[in-house]
């Protein structure tokens, strides 16, 4: 089964980079560039995993994460928070809301692939 990944990121270069490495690793990738579109896509498509930027237009990543975790139909979808803000308060907030993993930019391609694979092969939490 092909892993379906939703990338919610408003920076085109990062979307291109993530799409390239994930497609090369065998994933099917869809991308959106704002929080409202991310939430709509998560509810409609039910991807296997979401890579969610914190700083998004319309709804930020934390708002999207809260909405997903409070929606019974999609609350169990693994979400990786991706941010340039690596501050401990952001990490703590992401964990409290229910993020499965937290990745700071710039990211390692291998780390992204490994995180997606771990989250889609089990329901375990990552740090």
PDB file of N, CA and C in Angstrom:
ATOM      1  N   UNK A   1       0.830  -1.183   0.000  1.00  0.00           N
ATOM      2  CA  UNK A   1       0.000   0.000   0.000  1.00  0.00           C
ATOM      3  C   UNK A   1       0.874   1.247   0.000  1.00  0.00           C
ATOM      4  N   UNK A   2       0.546   2.196  -0.842  1.00  0.00           N
ATOM      5  CA  UNK A   2       1.301   3.436  -0.918  1.00  0.00           C
ATOM      6  C   UNK A   2       0.877   4.372   0.206  1.00  0.00           C
ATOM      7  N   UNK A   3       1.849   4.945   0.887  1.00  0.00           N
ATOM      8  CA  UNK A   3       1.577   5.897   1.954  1.00  0.00           C
ATOM      9  C   UNK A   3       1.151   7.226   1.356  1.00  0.00           C
ATOM     10  N   UNK A   4      -0.007   7.718   1.795  1.00  0.00           N
ATOM     11  CA  UNK A   4      -0.518   9.008   1.328  1.00  0.00           C
ATOM     12  C   UNK A   4      -0.138  10.083   2.343  1.00  0.00           C
ATOM     13  N   UNK A   5       0.626  11.081   1.859  1.00  0.00           N
ATOM     14  CA  UNK A   5       1.129  12.145   2.722  1.00  0.00           C
ATOM     15  C   UNK A   5       0.537  13.479   2.274  1.00  0.00           C
ATOM     16  N   UNK A   6       0.003  14.234   3.224  1.00  0.00           N
ATOM     17  CA  UNK A   6      -0.423  15.603   2.951  1.00  0.00           C
ATOM     18  C   UNK A   6       0.640  16.535   3.505  1.00  0.00           C
ATOM     19  N   UNK A   7       1.156  17.420   2.652  1.00  0.00           N
ATOM     20  CA  UNK A   7       2.117  18.431   3.069  1.00  0.00           C
ATOM     21  C   UNK A   7       1.376  19.768   3.116  1.00  0.00           C
ATOM     22  N   UNK A   8       1.286  20.368   4.302  1.00  0.00           N
ATOM     23  CA  UNK A   8       0.651  21.675   4.467  1.00  0.00           C
ATOM     24  C   UNK A   8       1.764  22.677   4.757  1.00  0.00           C
ATOM     25  N   UNK A   9       2.175  23.388   3.723  1.00  0.00           N
ATOM     26  CA  UNK A   9       3.337  24.280   3.787  1.00  0.00           C
ATOM     27  C   UNK A   9       3.135  25.390   2.762  1.00  0.00           C
ATOM     28  N   UNK A  10       3.411  26.635   3.149  1.00  0.00           N
ATOM     29  CA  UNK A  10       3.188  27.759   2.235  1.00  0.00           C
ATOM     30  C   UNK A  10       4.440  28.209   1.496  1.00  0.00           C
ATOM     31  N   UNK A  11       5.572  27.602   1.757  1.00  0.00           N
ATOM     32  CA  UNK A  11       6.811  27.951   1.068  1.00  0.00           C
ATOM     33  C   UNK A  11       7.036  26.960  -0.085  1.00  0.00           C
ATOM     34  N   UNK A  12       6.905  27.417  -1.336  1.00  0.00           N
ATOM     35  CA  UNK A  12       6.994  26.506  -2.492  1.00  0.00           C
ATOM     36  C   UNK A  12       8.270  25.674  -2.553  1.00  0.00           C
ATOM     37  N   UNK A  13       9.411  26.230  -2.162  1.00  0.00           N
ATOM     38  CA  UNK A  13      10.659  25.466  -2.212  1.00  0.00           C
ATOM     39  C   UNK A  13      10.655  24.300  -1.231  1.00  0.00           C
ATOM     40  N   UNK A  14      10.046  24.503  -0.078  1.00  0.00           N
ATOM     41  CA  UNK A  14       9.970  23.425   0.909  1.00  0.00           C
ATOM     42  C   UNK A  14       8.987  22.352   0.438  1.00  0.00           C
ATOM     43  N   UNK A  15       7.862  22.777  -0.136  1.00  0.00           N
ATOM     44  CA  UNK A  15       6.898  21.815  -0.695  1.00  0.00           C
ATOM     45  C   UNK A  15       7.577  20.967  -1.758  1.00  0.00           C
ATOM     46  N   UNK A  16       8.332  21.619  -2.641  1.00  0.00           N
ATOM     47  CA  UNK A  16       9.026  20.901  -3.714  1.00  0.00           C
ATOM     48  C   UNK A  16      10.038  19.910  -3.145  1.00  0.00           C
ATOM     49  N   UNK A  17      10.802  20.340  -2.163  1.00  0.00           N
ATOM     50  CA  UNK A  17      11.802  19.471  -1.541  1.00  0.00           C
ATOM     51  C   UNK A  17      11.153  18.272  -0.852  1.00  0.00           C
ATOM     52  N   UNK A  18      10.129  18.531  -0.026  1.00  0.00           N
ATOM     53  CA  UNK A  18       9.442  17.439   0.668  1.00  0.00           C
ATOM     54  C   UNK A  18       8.780  16.483  -0.319  1.00  0.00           C
ATOM     55  N   UNK A  19       8.128  17.040  -1.322  1.00  0.00           N
ATOM     56  CA  UNK A  19       7.460  16.193  -2.325  1.00  0.00           C
ATOM     57  C   UNK A  19       8.468  15.292  -3.015  1.00  0.00           C
ATOM     58  N   UNK A  20       9.599  15.856  -3.414  1.00  0.00           N
ATOM     59  CA  UNK A  20      10.624  15.091  -4.112  1.00  0.00           C
ATOM     60  C   UNK A  20      11.124  13.912  -3.274  1.00  0.00           C
ATOM     61  N   UNK A  21      11.499  14.192  -2.018  1.00  0.00           N
ATOM     62  CA  UNK A  21      12.066  13.101  -1.203  1.00  0.00           C
ATOM     63  C   UNK A  21      11.013  12.057  -0.837  1.00  0.00           C
ATOM     64  N   UNK A  22       9.776  12.505  -0.615  1.00  0.00           N
ATOM     65  CA  UNK A  22       8.726  11.552  -0.242  1.00  0.00           C
ATOM     66  C   UNK A  22       8.278  10.704  -1.430  1.00  0.00           C
ATOM     67  N   UNK A  23       8.147  11.321  -2.593  1.00  0.00           N
ATOM     68  CA  UNK A  23       7.779  10.555  -3.796  1.00  0.00           C
ATOM     69  C   UNK A  23       8.872   9.551  -4.123  1.00  0.00           C
ATOM     70  N   UNK A  24      10.123   9.987  -3.998  1.00  0.00           N
ATOM     71  CA  UNK A  24      11.258   9.092  -4.258  1.00  0.00           C
ATOM     72  C   UNK A  24      11.266   7.906  -3.294  1.00  0.00           C
ATOM     73  N   UNK A  25      10.720   8.112  -2.080  1.00  0.00           N
ATOM     74  CA  UNK A  25      10.683   7.006  -1.118  1.00  0.00           C
ATOM     75  C   UNK A  25       9.407   6.168  -1.260  1.00  0.00           C
ATOM     76  N   UNK A  26       8.575   6.482  -2.264  1.00  0.00           N
ATOM     77  CA  UNK A  26       7.411   5.660  -2.552  1.00  0.00           C
ATOM     78  C   UNK A  26       6.080   6.198  -2.068  1.00  0.00           C
ATOM     79  N   UNK A  27       6.055   7.416  -1.576  1.00  0.00           N
ATOM     80  CA  UNK A  27       4.804   7.992  -1.063  1.00  0.00           C
ATOM     81  C   UNK A  27       4.022   8.695  -2.172  1.00  0.00           C
ATOM     82  N   UNK A  28       2.741   8.831  -1.953  1.00  0.00           N
ATOM     83  CA  UNK A  28       1.866   9.632  -2.800  1.00  0.00           C
ATOM     84  C   UNK A  28       1.668  10.940  -2.038  1.00  0.00           C
ATOM     85  N   UNK A  29       2.046  12.079  -2.635  1.00  0.00           N
ATOM     86  CA  UNK A  29       2.065  13.358  -1.924  1.00  0.00           C
ATOM     87  C   UNK A  29       1.050  14.333  -2.505  1.00  0.00           C
ATOM     88  N   UNK A  30       0.293  14.954  -1.615  1.00  0.00           N
ATOM     89  CA  UNK A  30      -0.609  16.048  -1.948  1.00  0.00           C
ATOM     90  C   UNK A  30      -0.143  17.236  -1.122  1.00  0.00           C
ATOM     91  N   UNK A  31      -0.276  18.454  -1.668  1.00  0.00           N
ATOM     92  CA  UNK A  31       0.126  19.617  -0.879  1.00  0.00           C
ATOM     93  C   UNK A  31      -0.935  20.705  -0.915  1.00  0.00           C
ATOM     94  N   UNK A  32      -0.982  21.463   0.167  1.00  0.00           N
ATOM     95  CA  UNK A  32      -1.840  22.631   0.292  1.00  0.00           C
ATOM     96  C   UNK A  32      -0.998  23.742   0.911  1.00  0.00           C
ATOM     97  N   UNK A  33      -1.446  24.997   0.722  1.00  0.00           N
ATOM     98  CA  UNK A  33      -0.603  26.099   1.177  1.00  0.00           C
ATOM     99  C   UNK A  33      -1.224  26.975   2.261  1.00  0.00           C
ATOM    100  N   UNK A  34      -2.351  26.554   2.829  1.00  0.00           N
ATOM    101  CA  UNK A  34      -2.887  27.297   3.965  1.00  0.00           C
ATOM    102  C   UNK A  34      -3.611  26.345   4.917  1.00  0.00           C
ATOM    103  N   UNK A  35      -3.856  26.840   6.123  1.00  0.00           N
ATOM    104  CA  UNK A  35      -4.438  25.996   7.165  1.00  0.00           C
ATOM    105  C   UNK A  35      -5.853  25.536   6.882  1.00  0.00           C
ATOM    106  N   UNK A  36      -6.680  26.406   6.315  1.00  0.00           N
ATOM    107  CA  UNK A  36      -8.050  26.005   6.011  1.00  0.00           C
ATOM    108  C   UNK A  36      -8.063  24.879   4.978  1.00  0.00           C
ATOM    109  N   UNK A  37      -7.234  25.009   3.951  1.00  0.00           N
ATOM    110  CA  UNK A  37      -7.150  23.963   2.926  1.00  0.00           C
ATOM    111  C   UNK A  37      -6.619  22.663   3.533  1.00  0.00           C
ATOM    112  N   UNK A  38      -5.689  22.778   4.480  1.00  0.00           N
ATOM    113  CA  UNK A  38      -5.149  21.586   5.141  1.00  0.00           C
ATOM    114  C   UNK A  38      -6.260  20.838   5.873  1.00  0.00           C
ATOM    115  N   UNK A  39      -7.049  21.563   6.648  1.00  0.00           N
ATOM    116  CA  UNK A  39      -8.122  20.931   7.406  1.00  0.00           C
ATOM    117  C   UNK A  39      -9.154  20.296   6.478  1.00  0.00           C
ATOM    118  N   UNK A  40      -9.517  20.990   5.419  1.00  0.00           N
ATOM    119  CA  UNK A  40     -10.464  20.457   4.438  1.00  0.00           C
ATOM    120  C   UNK A  40      -9.927  19.180   3.809  1.00  0.00           C
ATOM    121  N   UNK A  41      -8.658  19.214   3.411  1.00  0.00           N
ATOM    122  CA  UNK A  41      -8.035  18.052   2.763  1.00  0.00           C
ATOM    123  C   UNK A  41      -7.910  16.872   3.726  1.00  0.00           C
ATOM    124  N   UNK A  42      -7.540  17.140   4.971  1.00  0.00           N
ATOM    125  CA  UNK A  42      -7.424  16.069   5.962  1.00  0.00           C
ATOM    126  C   UNK A  42      -8.769  15.372   6.127  1.00  0.00           C
ATOM    127  N   UNK A  43      -9.830  16.161   6.240  1.00  0.00           N
ATOM    128  CA  UNK A  43     -11.169  15.580   6.437  1.00  0.00           C
ATOM    129  C   UNK A  43     -11.664  14.831   5.200  1.00  0.00           C
ATOM    130  N   UNK A  44     -11.345  15.347   4.020  1.00  0.00           N
ATOM    131  CA  UNK A  44     -11.844  14.731   2.783  1.00  0.00           C
ATOM    132  C   UNK A  44     -11.013  13.533   2.343  1.00  0.00           C
ATOM    133  N   UNK A  45      -9.697  13.650   2.416  1.00  0.00           N
ATOM    134  CA  UNK A  45      -8.791  12.629   1.872  1.00  0.00           C
ATOM    135  C   UNK A  45      -8.315  11.607   2.899  1.00  0.00           C
ATOM    136  N   UNK A  46      -8.322  11.985   4.171  1.00  0.00           N
ATOM    137  CA  UNK A  46      -7.830  11.113   5.248  1.00  0.00           C
ATOM    138  C   UNK A  46      -6.466  10.495   4.893  1.00  0.00           C
ATOM    139  N   UNK A  47      -5.432  11.352   4.769  1.00  0.00           N
ATOM    140  CA  UNK A  47      -4.096  10.841   4.431  1.00  0.00           C
ATOM    141  C   UNK A  47      -3.556   9.948   5.551  1.00  0.00           C
ATOM    142  N   UNK A  48      -2.529   9.181   5.239  1.00  0.00           N
ATOM    143  CA  UNK A  48      -1.909   8.318   6.244  1.00  0.00           C
ATOM    144  C   UNK A  48      -1.090   9.113   7.247  1.00  0.00           C
ATOM    145  N   UNK A  49      -0.559  10.263   6.809  1.00  0.00           N
ATOM    146  CA  UNK A  49       0.240  11.131   7.675  1.00  0.00           C
ATOM    147  C   UNK A  49       0.197  12.550   7.114  1.00  0.00           C
ATOM    148  N   UNK A  50       0.312  13.537   8.011  1.00  0.00           N
ATOM    149  CA  UNK A  50       0.309  14.945   7.618  1.00  0.00           C
ATOM    150  C   UNK A  50       1.606  15.589   8.092  1.00  0.00           C
ATOM    151  N   UNK A  51       2.241  16.351   7.208  1.00  0.00           N
ATOM    152  CA  UNK A  51       3.372  17.195   7.584  1.00  0.00           C
ATOM    153  C   UNK A  51       2.823  18.611   7.595  1.00  0.00           C
ATOM    154  N   UNK A  52       2.759  19.212   8.772  1.00  0.00           N
ATOM    155  CA  UNK A  52       2.031  20.458   8.990  1.00  0.00           C
ATOM    156  C   UNK A  52       2.954  21.566   9.470  1.00  0.00           C
ATOM    157  N   UNK A  53       3.083  22.610   8.658  1.00  0.00           N
ATOM    158  CA  UNK A  53       3.864  23.783   9.048  1.00  0.00           C
ATOM    159  C   UNK A  53       3.090  24.558  10.103  1.00  0.00           C
ATOM    160  N   UNK A  54       3.783  25.195  11.024  1.00  0.00           N
ATOM    161  CA  UNK A  54       3.119  25.996  12.051  1.00  0.00           C
ATOM    162  C   UNK A  54       2.640  27.323  11.472  1.00  0.00           C
ATOM    163  N   UNK A  55       3.487  27.998  10.719  1.00  0.00           N
ATOM    164  CA  UNK A  55       3.179  29.332  10.217  1.00  0.00           C
ATOM    165  C   UNK A  55       2.492  29.243   8.857  1.00  0.00           C
ATOM    166  N   UNK A  56       1.170  29.100   8.880  1.00  0.00           N
ATOM    167  CA  UNK A  56       0.371  29.008   7.657  1.00  0.00           C
ATOM    168  C   UNK A  56      -0.640  30.150   7.617  1.00  0.00           C
ATOM    169  N   UNK A  57      -0.991  30.617   6.411  1.00  0.00           N
ATOM    170  CA  UNK A  57      -2.060  31.612   6.303  1.00  0.00           C
ATOM    171  C   UNK A  57      -3.422  30.995   6.654  1.00  0.00           C
ATOM    172  N   UNK A  58      -4.367  31.843   6.988  1.00  0.00           N
ATOM    173  CA  UNK A  58      -5.774  31.514   7.274  1.00  0.00           C
ATOM    174  C   UNK A  58      -5.971  30.803   8.609  1.00  0.00           C
ATOM    175  N   UNK A  59      -5.282  29.711   8.850  1.00  0.00           N
ATOM    176  CA  UNK A  59      -5.276  29.004  10.144  1.00  0.00           C
ATOM    177  C   UNK A  59      -3.846  28.550  10.365  1.00  0.00           C
ATOM    178  N   UNK A  60      -3.294  28.786  11.554  1.00  0.00           N
ATOM    179  CA  UNK A  60      -1.926  28.297  11.760  1.00  0.00           C
ATOM    180  C   UNK A  60      -1.940  26.797  12.059  1.00  0.00           C
ATOM    181  N   UNK A  61      -0.772  26.209  12.057  1.00  0.00           N
ATOM    182  CA  UNK A  61      -0.661  24.766  12.238  1.00  0.00           C
ATOM    183  C   UNK A  61      -1.209  24.266  13.563  1.00  0.00           C
ATOM    184  N   UNK A  62      -1.042  25.059  14.622  1.00  0.00           N
ATOM    185  CA  UNK A  62      -1.571  24.649  15.919  1.00  0.00           C
ATOM    186  C   UNK A  62      -3.103  24.625  15.894  1.00  0.00           C
ATOM    187  N   UNK A  63      -3.718  25.591  15.213  1.00  0.00           N
ATOM    188  CA  UNK A  63      -5.184  25.615  15.096  1.00  0.00           C
ATOM    189  C   UNK A  63      -5.679  24.413  14.296  1.00  0.00           C
ATOM    190  N   UNK A  64      -4.956  24.080  13.225  1.00  0.00           N
ATOM    191  CA  UNK A  64      -5.323  22.915  12.419  1.00  0.00           C
ATOM    192  C   UNK A  64      -5.195  21.646  13.269  1.00  0.00           C
ATOM    193  N   UNK A  65      -4.093  21.537  13.989  1.00  0.00           N
ATOM    194  CA  UNK A  65      -3.862  20.367  14.843  1.00  0.00           C
ATOM    195  C   UNK A  65      -4.974  20.223  15.887  1.00  0.00           C
ATOM    196  N   UNK A  66      -5.359  21.324  16.535  1.00  0.00           N
ATOM    197  CA  UNK A  66      -6.455  21.283  17.516  1.00  0.00           C
ATOM    198  C   UNK A  66      -7.747  20.804  16.865  1.00  0.00           C
ATOM    199  N   UNK A  67      -8.046  21.337  15.681  1.00  0.00           N
ATOM    200  CA  UNK A  67      -9.289  20.959  14.985  1.00  0.00           C
ATOM    201  C   UNK A  67      -9.284  19.480  14.612  1.00  0.00           C
ATOM    202  N   UNK A  68      -8.135  18.978  14.150  1.00  0.00           N
ATOM    203  CA  UNK A  68      -8.029  17.568  13.775  1.00  0.00           C
ATOM    204  C   UNK A  68      -8.200  16.679  15.008  1.00  0.00           C
ATOM    205  N   UNK A  69      -7.531  17.026  16.088  1.00  0.00           N
ATOM    206  CA  UNK A  69      -7.597  16.188  17.291  1.00  0.00           C
ATOM    207  C   UNK A  69      -8.976  16.196  17.940  1.00  0.00           C
ATOM    208  N   UNK A  70      -9.816  17.190  17.626  1.00  0.00           N
ATOM    209  CA  UNK A  70     -11.159  17.230  18.195  1.00  0.00           C
ATOM    210  C   UNK A  70     -12.219  16.676  17.239  1.00  0.00           C
ATOM    211  N   UNK A  71     -11.783  16.174  16.078  1.00  0.00           N
ATOM    212  CA  UNK A  71     -12.705  15.621  15.075  1.00  0.00           C
ATOM    213  C   UNK A  71     -12.547  14.099  15.070  1.00  0.00           C
ATOM    214  N   UNK A  72     -13.567  13.402  15.544  1.00  0.00           N
ATOM    215  CA  UNK A  72     -13.486  11.942  15.699  1.00  0.00           C
ATOM    216  C   UNK A  72     -13.145  11.210  14.405  1.00  0.00           C
ATOM    217  N   UNK A  73     -13.523  11.762  13.260  1.00  0.00           N
ATOM    218  CA  UNK A  73     -13.301  11.056  11.992  1.00  0.00           C
ATOM    219  C   UNK A  73     -11.838  11.089  11.537  1.00  0.00           C
ATOM    220  N   UNK A  74     -11.039  12.012  12.075  1.00  0.00           N
ATOM    221  CA  UNK A  74      -9.642  12.133  11.630  1.00  0.00           C
ATOM    222  C   UNK A  74      -8.640  12.261  12.774  1.00  0.00           C
ATOM    223  N   UNK A  75      -9.112  12.160  14.009  1.00  0.00           N
ATOM    224  CA  UNK A  75      -8.248  12.449  15.164  1.00  0.00           C
ATOM    225  C   UNK A  75      -7.037  11.532  15.300  1.00  0.00           C
ATOM    226  N   UNK A  76      -7.082  10.356  14.695  1.00  0.00           N
ATOM    227  CA  UNK A  76      -5.975   9.410  14.839  1.00  0.00           C
ATOM    228  C   UNK A  76      -4.927   9.509  13.726  1.00  0.00           C
ATOM    229  N   UNK A  77      -5.105  10.427  12.785  1.00  0.00           N
ATOM    230  CA  UNK A  77      -4.119  10.588  11.705  1.00  0.00           C
ATOM    231  C   UNK A  77      -2.837  11.173  12.307  1.00  0.00           C
ATOM    232  N   UNK A  78      -1.688  10.530  12.073  1.00  0.00           N
ATOM    233  CA  UNK A  78      -0.425  11.054  12.600  1.00  0.00           C
ATOM    234  C   UNK A  78      -0.084  12.409  11.974  1.00  0.00           C
ATOM    235  N   UNK A  79       0.364  13.337  12.814  1.00  0.00           N
ATOM    236  CA  UNK A  79       0.732  14.671  12.342  1.00  0.00           C
ATOM    237  C   UNK A  79       2.142  15.012  12.801  1.00  0.00           C
ATOM    238  N   UNK A  80       2.947  15.410  11.821  1.00  0.00           N
ATOM    239  CA  UNK A  80       4.308  15.876  12.068  1.00  0.00           C
ATOM    240  C   UNK A  80       4.273  17.394  11.980  1.00  0.00           C
ATOM    241  N   UNK A  81       4.620  18.076  13.057  1.00  0.00           N
ATOM    242  CA  UNK A  81       4.709  19.537  13.043  1.00  0.00           C
ATOM    243  C   UNK A  81       6.077  19.914  12.479  1.00  0.00           C
ATOM    244  N   UNK A  82       6.061  20.802  11.483  1.00  0.00           N
ATOM    245  CA  UNK A  82       7.282  21.275  10.830  1.00  0.00           C
ATOM    246  C   UNK A  82       7.363  22.773  11.046  1.00  0.00           C
ATOM    247  N   UNK A  83       8.470  23.245  11.612  1.00  0.00           N
ATOM    248  CA  UNK A  83       8.567  24.668  11.895  1.00  0.00           C
ATOM    249  C   UNK A  83      10.004  25.163  11.905  1.00  0.00           C
ATOM    250  N   UNK A  84      10.145  26.434  11.585  1.00  0.00           N
ATOM    251  CA  UNK A  84      11.444  27.093  11.705  1.00  0.00           C
ATOM    252  C   UNK A  84      11.646  27.552  13.146  1.00  0.00           C
ATOM    253  N   UNK A  85      10.568  27.546  13.910  1.00  0.00           N
ATOM    254  CA  UNK A  85      10.610  27.977  15.304  1.00  0.00           C
ATOM    255  C   UNK A  85      10.862  26.764  16.184  1.00  0.00           C
ATOM    256  N   UNK A  86      12.104  26.529  16.530  1.00  0.00           N
ATOM    257  CA  UNK A  86      12.451  25.348  17.301  1.00  0.00           C
ATOM    258  C   UNK A  86      12.430  25.568  18.795  1.00  0.00           C
ATOM    259  N   UNK A  87      11.737  26.606  19.248  1.00  0.00           N
ATOM    260  CA  UNK A  87      11.722  26.926  20.669  1.00  0.00           C
ATOM    261  C   UNK A  87      10.985  25.851  21.454  1.00  0.00           C
ATOM    262  N   UNK A  88      11.432  25.650  22.683  1.00  0.00           N
ATOM    263  CA  UNK A  88      10.853  24.584  23.505  1.00  0.00           C
ATOM    264  C   UNK A  88       9.370  24.814  23.762  1.00  0.00           C
ATOM    265  N   UNK A  89       8.909  26.062  23.843  1.00  0.00           N
ATOM    266  CA  UNK A  89       7.475  26.304  24.085  1.00  0.00           C
ATOM    267  C   UNK A  89       6.638  25.832  22.905  1.00  0.00           C
ATOM    268  N   UNK A  90       7.163  25.973  21.672  1.00  0.00           N
ATOM    269  CA  UNK A  90       6.441  25.493  20.502  1.00  0.00           C
ATOM    270  C   UNK A  90       6.361  23.970  20.502  1.00  0.00           C
ATOM    271  N   UNK A  91       7.455  23.335  20.850  1.00  0.00           N
ATOM    272  CA  UNK A  91       7.479  21.875  20.927  1.00  0.00           C
ATOM    273  C   UNK A  91       6.500  21.380  21.994  1.00  0.00           C
ATOM    274  N   UNK A  92       6.518  22.040  23.142  1.00  0.00           N
ATOM    275  CA  UNK A  92       5.629  21.658  24.234  1.00  0.00           C
ATOM    276  C   UNK A  92       4.161  21.841  23.827  1.00  0.00           C
ATOM    277  N   UNK A  93       3.858  22.962  23.168  1.00  0.00           N
ATOM    278  CA  UNK A  93       2.485  23.196  22.729  1.00  0.00           C
ATOM    279  C   UNK A  93       2.051  22.136  21.724  1.00  0.00           C
ATOM    280  N   UNK A  94       2.924  21.815  20.775  1.00  0.00           N
ATOM    281  CA  UNK A  94       2.604  20.797  19.764  1.00  0.00           C
ATOM    282  C   UNK A  94       2.327  19.452  20.425  1.00  0.00           C
ATOM    283  N   UNK A  95       3.142  19.087  21.404  1.00  0.00           N
ATOM    284  CA  UNK A  95       2.951  17.818  22.106  1.00  0.00           C
ATOM    285  C   UNK A  95       1.657  17.820  22.914  1.00  0.00           C
ATOM    286  N   UNK A  96       1.354  18.952  23.572  1.00  0.00           N
ATOM    287  CA  UNK A  96       0.140  19.036  24.377  1.00  0.00           C
ATOM    288  C   UNK A  96      -1.114  18.921  23.513  1.00  0.00           C
ATOM    289  N   UNK A  97      -1.073  19.494  22.318  1.00  0.00           N
ATOM    290  CA  UNK A  97      -2.231  19.447  21.426  1.00  0.00           C
ATOM    291  C   UNK A  97      -2.371  18.059  20.800  1.00  0.00           C
ATOM    292  N   UNK A  98      -1.252  17.352  20.658  1.00  0.00           N
ATOM    293  CA  UNK A  98      -1.348  15.992  20.140  1.00  0.00           C
ATOM    294  C   UNK A  98      -0.521  15.693  18.907  1.00  0.00           C
ATOM    295  N   UNK A  99       0.526  16.475  18.649  1.00  0.00           N
ATOM    296  CA  UNK A  99       1.409  16.169  17.521  1.00  0.00           C
ATOM    297  C   UNK A  99       2.136  14.855  17.784  1.00  0.00           C
ATOM    298  N   UNK A 100       2.372  14.096  16.735  1.00  0.00           N
ATOM    299  CA  UNK A 100       3.094  12.830  16.871  1.00  0.00           C
ATOM    300  C   UNK A 100       4.598  13.011  16.765  1.00  0.00           C
ATOM    301  N   UNK A 101       5.022  14.086  16.089  1.00  0.00           N
ATOM    302  CA  UNK A 101       6.452  14.362  15.938  1.00  0.00           C
ATOM    303  C   UNK A 101       6.623  15.853  15.684  1.00  0.00           C
ATOM    304  N   UNK A 102       7.832  16.348  15.932  1.00  0.00           N
ATOM    305  CA  UNK A 102       8.148  17.764  15.790  1.00  0.00           C
ATOM    306  C   UNK A 102       9.481  17.846  15.059  1.00  0.00           C
ATOM    307  N   UNK A 103       9.484  18.499  13.905  1.00  0.00           N
ATOM    308  CA  UNK A 103      10.702  18.610  13.094  1.00  0.00           C
ATOM    309  C   UNK A 103      10.975  20.087  12.834  1.00  0.00           C
ATOM    310  N   UNK A 104      12.221  20.509  13.079  1.00  0.00           N
ATOM    311  CA  UNK A 104      12.576  21.905  12.831  1.00  0.00           C
ATOM    312  C   UNK A 104      13.256  22.049  11.471  1.00  0.00           C
ATOM    313  N   UNK A 105      13.028  23.217  10.865  1.00  0.00           N
ATOM    314  CA  UNK A 105      13.699  23.571   9.609  1.00  0.00           C
ATOM    315  C   UNK A 105      15.024  24.226   9.976  1.00  0.00           C
ATOM    316  N   UNK A 106      16.091  24.005   9.237  1.00  0.00           N
ATOM    317  CA  UNK A 106      16.158  23.072   8.113  1.00  0.00           C
ATOM    318  C   UNK A 106      16.124  21.634   8.626  1.00  0.00           C
ATOM    319  N   UNK A 107      15.533  20.775   7.838  1.00  0.00           N
ATOM    320  CA  UNK A 107      15.351  19.381   8.244  1.00  0.00           C
ATOM    321  C   UNK A 107      16.266  18.471   7.435  1.00  0.00           C
ATOM    322  N   UNK A 108      16.505  17.316   7.990  1.00  0.00           N
ATOM    323  CA  UNK A 108      17.257  16.278   7.299  1.00  0.00           C
ATOM    324  C   UNK A 108      16.273  15.458   6.471  1.00  0.00           C
ATOM    325  N   UNK A 109      16.583  15.265   5.194  1.00  0.00           N
ATOM    326  CA  UNK A 109      15.720  14.448   4.334  1.00  0.00           C
ATOM    327  C   UNK A 109      15.504  13.066   4.934  1.00  0.00           C
ATOM    328  N   UNK A 110      16.577  12.463   5.407  1.00  0.00           N
ATOM    329  CA  UNK A 110      16.488  11.113   5.971  1.00  0.00           C
ATOM    330  C   UNK A 110      15.599  11.101   7.212  1.00  0.00           C
ATOM    331  N   UNK A 111      15.704  12.137   8.029  1.00  0.00           N
ATOM    332  CA  UNK A 111      14.879  12.206   9.245  1.00  0.00           C
ATOM    333  C   UNK A 111      13.392  12.296   8.888  1.00  0.00           C
ATOM    334  N   UNK A 112      13.053  13.085   7.872  1.00  0.00           N
ATOM    335  CA  UNK A 112      11.654  13.195   7.431  1.00  0.00           C
ATOM    336  C   UNK A 112      11.145  11.832   6.972  1.00  0.00           C
ATOM    337  N   UNK A 113      11.911  11.164   6.125  1.00  0.00           N
ATOM    338  CA  UNK A 113      11.498   9.858   5.600  1.00  0.00           C
ATOM    339  C   UNK A 113      11.334   8.849   6.732  1.00  0.00           C
ATOM    340  N   UNK A 114      12.299   8.804   7.637  1.00  0.00           N
ATOM    341  CA  UNK A 114      12.228   7.858   8.759  1.00  0.00           C
ATOM    342  C   UNK A 114      11.026   8.153   9.660  1.00  0.00           C
ATOM    343  N   UNK A 115      10.744   9.432   9.887  1.00  0.00           N
ATOM    344  CA  UNK A 115       9.619   9.805  10.736  1.00  0.00           C
ATOM    345  C   UNK A 115       8.298   9.393  10.090  1.00  0.00           C
ATOM    346  N   UNK A 116       8.150   9.652   8.803  1.00  0.00           N
ATOM    347  CA  UNK A 116       6.937   9.242   8.083  1.00  0.00           C
ATOM    348  C   UNK A 116       6.791   7.725   8.141  1.00  0.00           C
ATOM    349  N   UNK A 117       7.867   7.004   7.898  1.00  0.00           N
ATOM    350  CA  UNK A 117       7.808   5.540   7.911  1.00  0.00           C
ATOM    351  C   UNK A 117       7.436   5.011   9.292  1.00  0.00           C
ATOM    352  N   UNK A 118       8.013   5.577  10.349  1.00  0.00           N
ATOM    353  CA  UNK A 118       7.701   5.121  11.705  1.00  0.00           C
ATOM    354  C   UNK A 118       6.245   5.390  12.054  1.00  0.00           C
ATOM    355  N   UNK A 119       5.752   6.556  11.668  1.00  0.00           N
ATOM    356  CA  UNK A 119       4.370   6.918  12.018  1.00  0.00           C
ATOM    357  C   UNK A 119       3.346   6.119  11.217  1.00  0.00           C
ATOM    358  N   UNK A 120       3.711   5.687  10.045  1.00  0.00           N
ATOM    359  CA  UNK A 120       2.749   4.931   9.233  1.00  0.00           C
ATOM    360  C   UNK A 120       2.864   3.423   9.438  1.00  0.00           C
ATOM    361  N   UNK A 121       3.919   2.975  10.091  1.00  0.00           N
ATOM    362  CA  UNK A 121       4.055   1.544  10.340  1.00  0.00           C
ATOM    363  C   UNK A 121       3.563   1.164  11.733  1.00  0.00           C
ATOM    364  N   UNK A 122       3.355   2.174  12.581  1.00  0.00           N
ATOM    365  CA  UNK A 122       2.826   1.923  13.928  1.00  0.00           C
ATOM    366  C   UNK A 122       2.129   3.193  14.391  1.00  0.00           C
ATOM    367  N   UNK A 123       1.457   3.091  15.495  1.00  0.00           N
ATOM    368  CA  UNK A 123       0.773   4.264  16.020  1.00  0.00           C
ATOM    369  C   UNK A 123       1.536   4.861  17.199  1.00  0.00           C
ATOM    370  N   UNK A 124       2.812   4.512  17.292  1.00  0.00           N
ATOM    371  CA  UNK A 124       3.628   4.993  18.399  1.00  0.00           C
ATOM    372  C   UNK A 124       3.950   6.457  18.284  1.00  0.00           C
ATOM    373  N   UNK A 125       4.173   7.081  19.437  1.00  0.00           N
ATOM    374  CA  UNK A 125       4.526   8.496  19.480  1.00  0.00           C
ATOM    375  C   UNK A 125       6.028   8.645  19.250  1.00  0.00           C
ATOM    376  N   UNK A 126       6.380   9.710  18.578  1.00  0.00           N
ATOM    377  CA  UNK A 126       7.784  10.033  18.362  1.00  0.00           C
ATOM    378  C   UNK A 126       8.097  11.357  19.047  1.00  0.00           C
ATOM    379  N   UNK A 127       9.379  11.591  19.264  1.00  0.00           N
ATOM    380  CA  UNK A 127       9.771  12.885  19.803  1.00  0.00           C
ATOM    381  C   UNK A 127      10.814  13.512  18.919  1.00  0.00           C
TER     382      UNK A 127
END
